[in-house]
């Protein structure tokens, strides 16, 4: 065989080897790429499952806390009104003359009790919140607090409203409700403002009261301390942040930052 033929044969063999190696390399890369994609898909599914589980646990925790708040409100407000109404009925029953003033007060107390029960039912319904939307739900909450006369509450909206997912909306409302309940029960405040600032990429929520406050870093009582920690934890669940600042005898501010995505 001539030298030229040997060179051609060598070239063919070399090209074949290189081609085989390239095919093997491409095949290996594709294999590892598919494995990586598969691993990423599995990790994403695990993260999604963990997120769903976390959201479920959060909703159950929030639901339990809401039930506790509702129980206290029924006992403290509705229970007292109905107890007073019962006493008034007894007085009227024993009286020989009809006391128009007492009847009017009785009617008013029963009406107030029914209004409180309706408000409590509305605040308990997550489906109603989702149906109404964030702002109408918060507006109803503020109106309810003002009617109760625990303190004077105001809702201030700045910027164009951004729609959130149902999960985020529900948890945001529960966070604000938890904050307001803490203020009512522990802050001894006269006024509270809930300010929503719709920025370009996130919603900033400020809840500020003029109550007794506390010294940052000092332990607060178990109930209010747990409530503050719940606020921080729930904000993190929906990808947000919560910052709580307070000054003794000058009130407390809870600042939430919730991204749109």
C-alpha atoms as a PDB file:
ATOM      1  CA  UNK A   1       0.000   0.000   0.000  1.00  0.00           C
ATOM      2  CA  UNK A   2       1.383   3.361  -0.995  1.00  0.00           C
ATOM      3  CA  UNK A   3       2.317   6.040   1.490  1.00  0.00           C
ATOM      4  CA  UNK A   4      -0.507   8.218   0.124  1.00  0.00           C
ATOM      5  CA  UNK A   5      -3.060   5.455   0.767  1.00  0.00           C
ATOM      6  CA  UNK A   6      -1.708   4.998   4.284  1.00  0.00           C
ATOM      7  CA  UNK A   7      -2.140   8.714   4.937  1.00  0.00           C
ATOM      8  CA  UNK A   8      -5.733   8.630   3.691  1.00  0.00           C
ATOM      9  CA  UNK A   9      -6.493   5.593   5.834  1.00  0.00           C
ATOM     10  CA  UNK A  10      -4.879   7.213   8.860  1.00  0.00           C
ATOM     11  CA  UNK A  11      -6.869  10.378   8.257  1.00  0.00           C
ATOM     12  CA  UNK A  12     -10.119   8.418   7.982  1.00  0.00           C
ATOM     13  CA  UNK A  13      -9.349   6.543  11.185  1.00  0.00           C
ATOM     14  CA  UNK A  14      -8.404   9.771  12.972  1.00  0.00           C
ATOM     15  CA  UNK A  15     -11.565  11.512  11.812  1.00  0.00           C
ATOM     16  CA  UNK A  16     -13.637   8.501  12.861  1.00  0.00           C
ATOM     17  CA  UNK A  17     -12.041   8.496  16.294  1.00  0.00           C
ATOM     18  CA  UNK A  18     -12.525  12.225  16.703  1.00  0.00           C
ATOM     19  CA  UNK A  19     -16.130  11.963  15.505  1.00  0.00           C
ATOM     20  CA  UNK A  20     -16.772   9.049  17.897  1.00  0.00           C
ATOM     21  CA  UNK A  21     -15.240  11.006  20.741  1.00  0.00           C
ATOM     22  CA  UNK A  22     -17.333  14.044  19.863  1.00  0.00           C
ATOM     23  CA  UNK A  23     -20.480  11.939  19.742  1.00  0.00           C
ATOM     24  CA  UNK A  24     -19.549  10.375  23.067  1.00  0.00           C
ATOM     25  CA  UNK A  25     -18.807  13.808  24.542  1.00  0.00           C
ATOM     26  CA  UNK A  26     -22.082  15.266  23.279  1.00  0.00           C
ATOM     27  CA  UNK A  27     -23.944  12.212  24.536  1.00  0.00           C
ATOM     28  CA  UNK A  28     -22.274  12.541  27.937  1.00  0.00           C
ATOM     29  CA  UNK A  29     -23.073  16.247  28.103  1.00  0.00           C
ATOM     30  CA  UNK A  30     -26.673  15.595  27.141  1.00  0.00           C
ATOM     31  CA  UNK A  31     -26.910  12.854  29.762  1.00  0.00           C
ATOM     32  CA  UNK A  32     -25.555  15.090  32.511  1.00  0.00           C
ATOM     33  CA  UNK A  33     -27.735  17.972  31.280  1.00  0.00           C
ATOM     34  CA  UNK A  34     -30.829  15.792  31.480  1.00  0.00           C
ATOM     35  CA  UNK A  35     -29.788  14.624  34.930  1.00  0.00           C
ATOM     36  CA  UNK A  36     -29.297  18.222  36.017  1.00  0.00           C
ATOM     37  CA  UNK A  37     -32.677  19.247  34.593  1.00  0.00           C
ATOM     38  CA  UNK A  38     -34.287  16.280  36.296  1.00  0.00           C
ATOM     39  CA  UNK A  39     -32.596  17.165  39.589  1.00  0.00           C
ATOM     40  CA  UNK A  40     -33.680  20.792  39.281  1.00  0.00           C
ATOM     41  CA  UNK A  41     -37.243  19.693  38.525  1.00  0.00           C
ATOM     42  CA  UNK A  42     -37.212  17.460  41.598  1.00  0.00           C
ATOM     43  CA  UNK A  43     -35.791  20.267  43.746  1.00  0.00           C
ATOM     44  CA  UNK A  44     -38.447  22.643  42.401  1.00  0.00           C
ATOM     45  CA  UNK A  45     -41.191  20.121  43.181  1.00  0.00           C
ATOM     46  CA  UNK A  46     -39.785  19.661  46.681  1.00  0.00           C
ATOM     47  CA  UNK A  47     -39.631  23.436  47.212  1.00  0.00           C
ATOM     48  CA  UNK A  48     -43.180  23.838  45.910  1.00  0.00           C
ATOM     49  CA  UNK A  49     -44.367  21.069  48.222  1.00  0.00           C
ATOM     50  CA  UNK A  50     -42.542  22.655  51.148  1.00  0.00           C
ATOM     51  CA  UNK A  51     -44.010  26.058  50.278  1.00  0.00           C
ATOM     52  CA  UNK A  52     -47.531  24.615  50.114  1.00  0.00           C
ATOM     53  CA  UNK A  53     -46.975  22.845  53.433  1.00  0.00           C
ATOM     54  CA  UNK A  54     -45.641  26.039  55.004  1.00  0.00           C
ATOM     55  CA  UNK A  55     -48.612  28.020  53.694  1.00  0.00           C
ATOM     56  CA  UNK A  56     -51.000  25.382  55.020  1.00  0.00           C
ATOM     57  CA  UNK A  57     -49.347  25.416  58.441  1.00  0.00           C
ATOM     58  CA  UNK A  58     -49.416  29.213  58.434  1.00  0.00           C
ATOM     59  CA  UNK A  59     -53.111  29.285  57.546  1.00  0.00           C
ATOM     60  CA  UNK A  60     -53.889  26.766  60.291  1.00  0.00           C
ATOM     61  CA  UNK A  61     -51.840  28.756  62.793  1.00  0.00           C
ATOM     62  CA  UNK A  62     -53.497  32.001  61.724  1.00  0.00           C
ATOM     63  CA  UNK A  63     -56.889  30.334  61.856  1.00  0.00           C
ATOM     64  CA  UNK A  64     -56.247  29.165  65.415  1.00  0.00           C
ATOM     65  CA  UNK A  65     -55.069  32.634  66.460  1.00  0.00           C
ATOM     66  CA  UNK A  66     -58.103  34.194  64.778  1.00  0.00           C
ATOM     67  CA  UNK A  67     -60.423  31.837  66.643  1.00  0.00           C
ATOM     68  CA  UNK A  68     -58.763  32.837  69.917  1.00  0.00           C
ATOM     69  CA  UNK A  69     -59.203  36.539  69.100  1.00  0.00           C
ATOM     70  CA  UNK A  70     -62.822  36.003  68.111  1.00  0.00           C
ATOM     71  CA  UNK A  71     -63.455  34.059  71.308  1.00  0.00           C
ATOM     72  CA  UNK A  72     -62.090  36.933  73.394  1.00  0.00           C
ATOM     73  CA  UNK A  73     -64.128  39.499  71.452  1.00  0.00           C
ATOM     74  CA  UNK A  74     -67.353  37.513  71.886  1.00  0.00           C
ATOM     75  CA  UNK A  75     -66.668  37.147  75.604  1.00  0.00           C
ATOM     76  CA  UNK A  76     -65.559  40.742  76.187  1.00  0.00           C
ATOM     77  CA  UNK A  77     -67.986  42.600  73.921  1.00  0.00           C
ATOM     78  CA  UNK A  78     -71.000  40.573  72.851  1.00  0.00           C
ATOM     79  CA  UNK A  79     -71.157  38.672  76.144  1.00  0.00           C
ATOM     80  CA  UNK A  80     -71.195  41.869  78.189  1.00  0.00           C
ATOM     81  CA  UNK A  81     -73.869  43.465  76.002  1.00  0.00           C
ATOM     82  CA  UNK A  82     -76.124  40.407  76.231  1.00  0.00           C
ATOM     83  CA  UNK A  83     -75.547  40.117  79.986  1.00  0.00           C
ATOM     84  CA  UNK A  84     -76.615  43.738  80.376  1.00  0.00           C
ATOM     85  CA  UNK A  85     -79.633  43.111  78.148  1.00  0.00           C
ATOM     86  CA  UNK A  86     -80.605  40.150  80.330  1.00  0.00           C
ATOM     87  CA  UNK A  87     -80.481  42.332  83.441  1.00  0.00           C
ATOM     88  CA  UNK A  88     -82.601  44.977  81.698  1.00  0.00           C
ATOM     89  CA  UNK A  89     -85.175  42.357  80.693  1.00  0.00           C
ATOM     90  CA  UNK A  90     -85.369  41.187  84.308  1.00  0.00           C
ATOM     91  CA  UNK A  91     -85.925  44.751  85.517  1.00  0.00           C
ATOM     92  CA  UNK A  92     -88.691  45.311  82.944  1.00  0.00           C
ATOM     93  CA  UNK A  93     -90.295  41.968  83.837  1.00  0.00           C
ATOM     94  CA  UNK A  94     -90.454  42.879  87.524  1.00  0.00           C
ATOM     95  CA  UNK A  95     -91.608  46.452  86.908  1.00  0.00           C
ATOM     96  CA  UNK A  96     -95.317  47.262  86.936  1.00  0.00           C
ATOM     97  CA  UNK A  97     -94.838  50.240  84.631  1.00  0.00           C
ATOM     98  CA  UNK A  98     -93.237  50.195  81.189  1.00  0.00           C
ATOM     99  CA  UNK A  99     -89.989  52.141  81.234  1.00  0.00           C
ATOM    100  CA  UNK A 100     -89.628  53.527  77.695  1.00  0.00           C
ATOM    101  CA  UNK A 101     -86.036  54.665  78.311  1.00  0.00           C
ATOM    102  CA  UNK A 102     -85.020  51.225  79.571  1.00  0.00           C
ATOM    103  CA  UNK A 103     -86.732  49.551  76.591  1.00  0.00           C
ATOM    104  CA  UNK A 104     -84.834  51.838  74.224  1.00  0.00           C
ATOM    105  CA  UNK A 105     -81.523  50.986  75.937  1.00  0.00           C
ATOM    106  CA  UNK A 106     -82.370  47.274  75.782  1.00  0.00           C
ATOM    107  CA  UNK A 107     -83.113  47.504  72.061  1.00  0.00           C
ATOM    108  CA  UNK A 108     -79.882  49.423  71.499  1.00  0.00           C
ATOM    109  CA  UNK A 109     -77.783  46.889  73.411  1.00  0.00           C
ATOM    110  CA  UNK A 110     -79.256  43.950  71.504  1.00  0.00           C
ATOM    111  CA  UNK A 111     -78.683  45.798  68.215  1.00  0.00           C
ATOM    112  CA  UNK A 112     -75.055  46.495  69.167  1.00  0.00           C
ATOM    113  CA  UNK A 113     -74.549  42.839  70.069  1.00  0.00           C
ATOM    114  CA  UNK A 114     -75.935  41.727  66.695  1.00  0.00           C
ATOM    115  CA  UNK A 115     -73.708  44.245  64.870  1.00  0.00           C
ATOM    116  CA  UNK A 116     -70.655  42.966  66.753  1.00  0.00           C
ATOM    117  CA  UNK A 117     -71.535  39.371  65.873  1.00  0.00           C
ATOM    118  CA  UNK A 118     -71.925  40.241  62.180  1.00  0.00           C
ATOM    119  CA  UNK A 119     -68.577  42.063  62.204  1.00  0.00           C
ATOM    120  CA  UNK A 120     -66.888  39.120  63.893  1.00  0.00           C
ATOM    121  CA  UNK A 121     -68.364  36.714  61.335  1.00  0.00           C
ATOM    122  CA  UNK A 122     -67.064  38.901  58.485  1.00  0.00           C
ATOM    123  CA  UNK A 123     -63.552  39.075  59.944  1.00  0.00           C
ATOM    124  CA  UNK A 124     -63.523  35.294  60.371  1.00  0.00           C
ATOM    125  CA  UNK A 125     -64.372  34.456  56.763  1.00  0.00           C
ATOM    126  CA  UNK A 126     -61.295  34.013  54.572  1.00  0.00           C
ATOM    127  CA  UNK A 127     -63.463  33.463  51.491  1.00  0.00           C
ATOM    128  CA  UNK A 128     -65.195  36.776  52.065  1.00  0.00           C
ATOM    129  CA  UNK A 129     -61.835  38.527  52.311  1.00  0.00           C
ATOM    130  CA  UNK A 130     -60.699  37.040  49.016  1.00  0.00           C
ATOM    131  CA  UNK A 131     -64.002  37.978  47.358  1.00  0.00           C
ATOM    132  CA  UNK A 132     -63.960  41.575  48.623  1.00  0.00           C
ATOM    133  CA  UNK A 133     -60.272  42.265  48.066  1.00  0.00           C
ATOM    134  CA  UNK A 134     -57.549  43.679  50.284  1.00  0.00           C
ATOM    135  CA  UNK A 135     -58.636  47.314  50.611  1.00  0.00           C
ATOM    136  CA  UNK A 136     -62.391  46.791  51.239  1.00  0.00           C
ATOM    137  CA  UNK A 137     -61.557  44.132  53.840  1.00  0.00           C
ATOM    138  CA  UNK A 138     -59.150  46.437  55.655  1.00  0.00           C
ATOM    139  CA  UNK A 139     -61.659  49.277  55.464  1.00  0.00           C
ATOM    140  CA  UNK A 140     -64.282  47.069  57.140  1.00  0.00           C
ATOM    141  CA  UNK A 141     -61.770  46.129  59.838  1.00  0.00           C
ATOM    142  CA  UNK A 142     -61.037  49.793  60.552  1.00  0.00           C
ATOM    143  CA  UNK A 143     -64.759  50.621  60.676  1.00  0.00           C
ATOM    144  CA  UNK A 144     -65.332  47.738  63.088  1.00  0.00           C
ATOM    145  CA  UNK A 145     -62.616  48.997  65.440  1.00  0.00           C
ATOM    146  CA  UNK A 146     -64.004  52.531  65.341  1.00  0.00           C
ATOM    147  CA  UNK A 147     -67.506  51.278  66.158  1.00  0.00           C
ATOM    148  CA  UNK A 148     -66.152  49.339  69.120  1.00  0.00           C
ATOM    149  CA  UNK A 149     -64.672  52.605  70.462  1.00  0.00           C
ATOM    150  CA  UNK A 150     -61.548  50.841  71.734  1.00  0.00           C
ATOM    151  CA  UNK A 151     -59.514  53.495  69.966  1.00  0.00           C
ATOM    152  CA  UNK A 152     -59.638  55.750  66.898  1.00  0.00           C
ATOM    153  CA  UNK A 153     -58.360  54.009  63.738  1.00  0.00           C
ATOM    154  CA  UNK A 154     -57.568  55.377  60.268  1.00  0.00           C
ATOM    155  CA  UNK A 155     -56.728  53.718  56.940  1.00  0.00           C
ATOM    156  CA  UNK A 156     -54.588  55.692  54.465  1.00  0.00           C
ATOM    157  CA  UNK A 157     -53.893  54.499  50.909  1.00  0.00           C
ATOM    158  CA  UNK A 158     -51.104  55.920  48.735  1.00  0.00           C
ATOM    159  CA  UNK A 159     -50.418  54.900  45.125  1.00  0.00           C
ATOM    160  CA  UNK A 160     -52.269  52.641  42.708  1.00  0.00           C
ATOM    161  CA  UNK A 161     -53.488  49.357  44.165  1.00  0.00           C
ATOM    162  CA  UNK A 162     -51.676  46.198  43.068  1.00  0.00           C
ATOM    163  CA  UNK A 163     -53.553  42.899  43.097  1.00  0.00           C
ATOM    164  CA  UNK A 164     -52.024  40.055  45.105  1.00  0.00           C
ATOM    165  CA  UNK A 165     -52.575  36.305  45.021  1.00  0.00           C
ATOM    166  CA  UNK A 166     -55.319  34.986  47.276  1.00  0.00           C
ATOM    167  CA  UNK A 167     -52.771  33.420  49.648  1.00  0.00           C
ATOM    168  CA  UNK A 168     -50.771  36.638  50.030  1.00  0.00           C
ATOM    169  CA  UNK A 169     -53.888  38.736  50.418  1.00  0.00           C
ATOM    170  CA  UNK A 170     -55.304  36.501  53.149  1.00  0.00           C
ATOM    171  CA  UNK A 171     -52.069  36.365  55.125  1.00  0.00           C
ATOM    172  CA  UNK A 172     -51.529  40.133  54.821  1.00  0.00           C
ATOM    173  CA  UNK A 173     -54.995  40.778  56.228  1.00  0.00           C
ATOM    174  CA  UNK A 174     -54.355  38.344  59.079  1.00  0.00           C
ATOM    175  CA  UNK A 175     -51.015  40.036  59.840  1.00  0.00           C
ATOM    176  CA  UNK A 176     -52.706  43.430  60.060  1.00  0.00           C
ATOM    177  CA  UNK A 177     -55.540  41.983  62.167  1.00  0.00           C
ATOM    178  CA  UNK A 178     -52.988  40.428  64.521  1.00  0.00           C
ATOM    179  CA  UNK A 179     -51.173  43.768  64.780  1.00  0.00           C
ATOM    180  CA  UNK A 180     -54.396  45.644  65.541  1.00  0.00           C
ATOM    181  CA  UNK A 181     -55.412  43.060  68.137  1.00  0.00           C
ATOM    182  CA  UNK A 182     -52.036  43.456  69.858  1.00  0.00           C
ATOM    183  CA  UNK A 183     -52.547  47.220  69.942  1.00  0.00           C
ATOM    184  CA  UNK A 184     -56.071  46.921  71.357  1.00  0.00           C
ATOM    185  CA  UNK A 185     -55.093  44.386  74.013  1.00  0.00           C
ATOM    186  CA  UNK A 186     -51.661  45.603  75.093  1.00  0.00           C
ATOM    187  CA  UNK A 187     -50.693  49.064  73.804  1.00  0.00           C
ATOM    188  CA  UNK A 188     -53.187  51.225  75.740  1.00  0.00           C
ATOM    189  CA  UNK A 189     -53.281  53.425  72.637  1.00  0.00           C
ATOM    190  CA  UNK A 190     -55.824  56.079  71.714  1.00  0.00           C
ATOM    191  CA  UNK A 191     -55.041  56.248  67.987  1.00  0.00           C
ATOM    192  CA  UNK A 192     -53.737  53.909  65.304  1.00  0.00           C
ATOM    193  CA  UNK A 193     -52.971  54.506  61.615  1.00  0.00           C
ATOM    194  CA  UNK A 194     -52.715  51.829  58.935  1.00  0.00           C
ATOM    195  CA  UNK A 195     -50.883  53.261  55.915  1.00  0.00           C
ATOM    196  CA  UNK A 196     -50.524  51.338  52.639  1.00  0.00           C
ATOM    197  CA  UNK A 197     -47.950  52.660  50.158  1.00  0.00           C
ATOM    198  CA  UNK A 198     -48.120  50.919  46.780  1.00  0.00           C
ATOM    199  CA  UNK A 199     -44.625  51.379  45.340  1.00  0.00           C
ATOM    200  CA  UNK A 200     -43.227  50.190  42.013  1.00  0.00           C
ATOM    201  CA  UNK A 201     -42.120  46.728  43.127  1.00  0.00           C
ATOM    202  CA  UNK A 202     -43.578  46.247  46.596  1.00  0.00           C
ATOM    203  CA  UNK A 203     -46.281  47.232  49.063  1.00  0.00           C
ATOM    204  CA  UNK A 204     -45.130  48.991  52.231  1.00  0.00           C
ATOM    205  CA  UNK A 205     -47.528  48.770  55.167  1.00  0.00           C
ATOM    206  CA  UNK A 206     -47.080  50.905  58.284  1.00  0.00           C
ATOM    207  CA  UNK A 207     -49.205  50.323  61.373  1.00  0.00           C
ATOM    208  CA  UNK A 208     -48.443  53.010  63.957  1.00  0.00           C
ATOM    209  CA  UNK A 209     -49.998  53.560  67.382  1.00  0.00           C
ATOM    210  CA  UNK A 210     -49.545  56.151  70.131  1.00  0.00           C
ATOM    211  CA  UNK A 211     -49.596  53.631  72.979  1.00  0.00           C
ATOM    212  CA  UNK A 212     -47.255  52.913  75.856  1.00  0.00           C
ATOM    213  CA  UNK A 213     -44.650  51.218  73.658  1.00  0.00           C
ATOM    214  CA  UNK A 214     -41.749  49.205  75.038  1.00  0.00           C
ATOM    215  CA  UNK A 215     -37.959  49.296  75.173  1.00  0.00           C
ATOM    216  CA  UNK A 216     -36.472  47.416  72.178  1.00  0.00           C
ATOM    217  CA  UNK A 217     -34.573  44.352  73.324  1.00  0.00           C
ATOM    218  CA  UNK A 218     -36.514  44.052  76.577  1.00  0.00           C
ATOM    219  CA  UNK A 219     -38.835  41.119  77.056  1.00  0.00           C
ATOM    220  CA  UNK A 220     -42.504  41.913  76.609  1.00  0.00           C
ATOM    221  CA  UNK A 221     -45.183  39.722  78.140  1.00  0.00           C
ATOM    222  CA  UNK A 222     -45.642  36.247  76.704  1.00  0.00           C
ATOM    223  CA  UNK A 223     -48.862  36.938  74.769  1.00  0.00           C
ATOM    224  CA  UNK A 224     -47.805  40.175  73.087  1.00  0.00           C
ATOM    225  CA  UNK A 225     -44.286  38.832  72.477  1.00  0.00           C
ATOM    226  CA  UNK A 226     -45.707  35.800  70.703  1.00  0.00           C
ATOM    227  CA  UNK A 227     -47.944  38.067  68.631  1.00  0.00           C
ATOM    228  CA  UNK A 228     -44.966  40.155  67.492  1.00  0.00           C
ATOM    229  CA  UNK A 229     -43.028  37.032  66.519  1.00  0.00           C
ATOM    230  CA  UNK A 230     -46.048  35.729  64.590  1.00  0.00           C
ATOM    231  CA  UNK A 231     -46.061  38.952  62.559  1.00  0.00           C
ATOM    232  CA  UNK A 232     -42.398  38.497  61.598  1.00  0.00           C
ATOM    233  CA  UNK A 233     -42.844  34.803  60.743  1.00  0.00           C
ATOM    234  CA  UNK A 234     -45.948  35.332  58.625  1.00  0.00           C
ATOM    235  CA  UNK A 235     -44.346  38.142  56.640  1.00  0.00           C
ATOM    236  CA  UNK A 236     -41.418  35.850  55.795  1.00  0.00           C
ATOM    237  CA  UNK A 237     -43.796  33.129  54.604  1.00  0.00           C
ATOM    238  CA  UNK A 238     -45.061  35.383  51.777  1.00  0.00           C
ATOM    239  CA  UNK A 239     -41.563  36.605  50.903  1.00  0.00           C
ATOM    240  CA  UNK A 240     -41.814  39.844  52.849  1.00  0.00           C
ATOM    241  CA  UNK A 241     -40.133  41.429  55.828  1.00  0.00           C
ATOM    242  CA  UNK A 242     -41.468  42.862  59.062  1.00  0.00           C
ATOM    243  CA  UNK A 243     -39.681  45.443  61.192  1.00  0.00           C
ATOM    244  CA  UNK A 244     -41.034  46.384  64.617  1.00  0.00           C
ATOM    245  CA  UNK A 245     -39.797  49.541  66.333  1.00  0.00           C
ATOM    246  CA  UNK A 246     -41.016  51.021  69.595  1.00  0.00           C
ATOM    247  CA  UNK A 247     -40.271  53.833  72.011  1.00  0.00           C
ATOM    248  CA  UNK A 248     -41.346  53.688  75.626  1.00  0.00           C
ATOM    249  CA  UNK A 249     -44.403  55.917  76.187  1.00  0.00           C
ATOM    250  CA  UNK A 250     -44.341  57.017  72.527  1.00  0.00           C
ATOM    251  CA  UNK A 251     -45.955  54.119  70.672  1.00  0.00           C
ATOM    252  CA  UNK A 252     -44.975  51.312  68.316  1.00  0.00           C
ATOM    253  CA  UNK A 253     -44.597  51.000  64.551  1.00  0.00           C
ATOM    254  CA  UNK A 254     -44.920  47.766  62.598  1.00  0.00           C
ATOM    255  CA  UNK A 255     -43.526  48.140  59.086  1.00  0.00           C
ATOM    256  CA  UNK A 256     -44.201  45.440  56.502  1.00  0.00           C
ATOM    257  CA  UNK A 257     -42.588  45.192  53.078  1.00  0.00           C
ATOM    258  CA  UNK A 258     -44.362  42.757  50.739  1.00  0.00           C
ATOM    259  CA  UNK A 259     -43.016  42.209  47.175  1.00  0.00           C
ATOM    260  CA  UNK A 260     -45.529  41.947  44.361  1.00  0.00           C
ATOM    261  CA  UNK A 261     -44.046  38.737  42.971  1.00  0.00           C
END
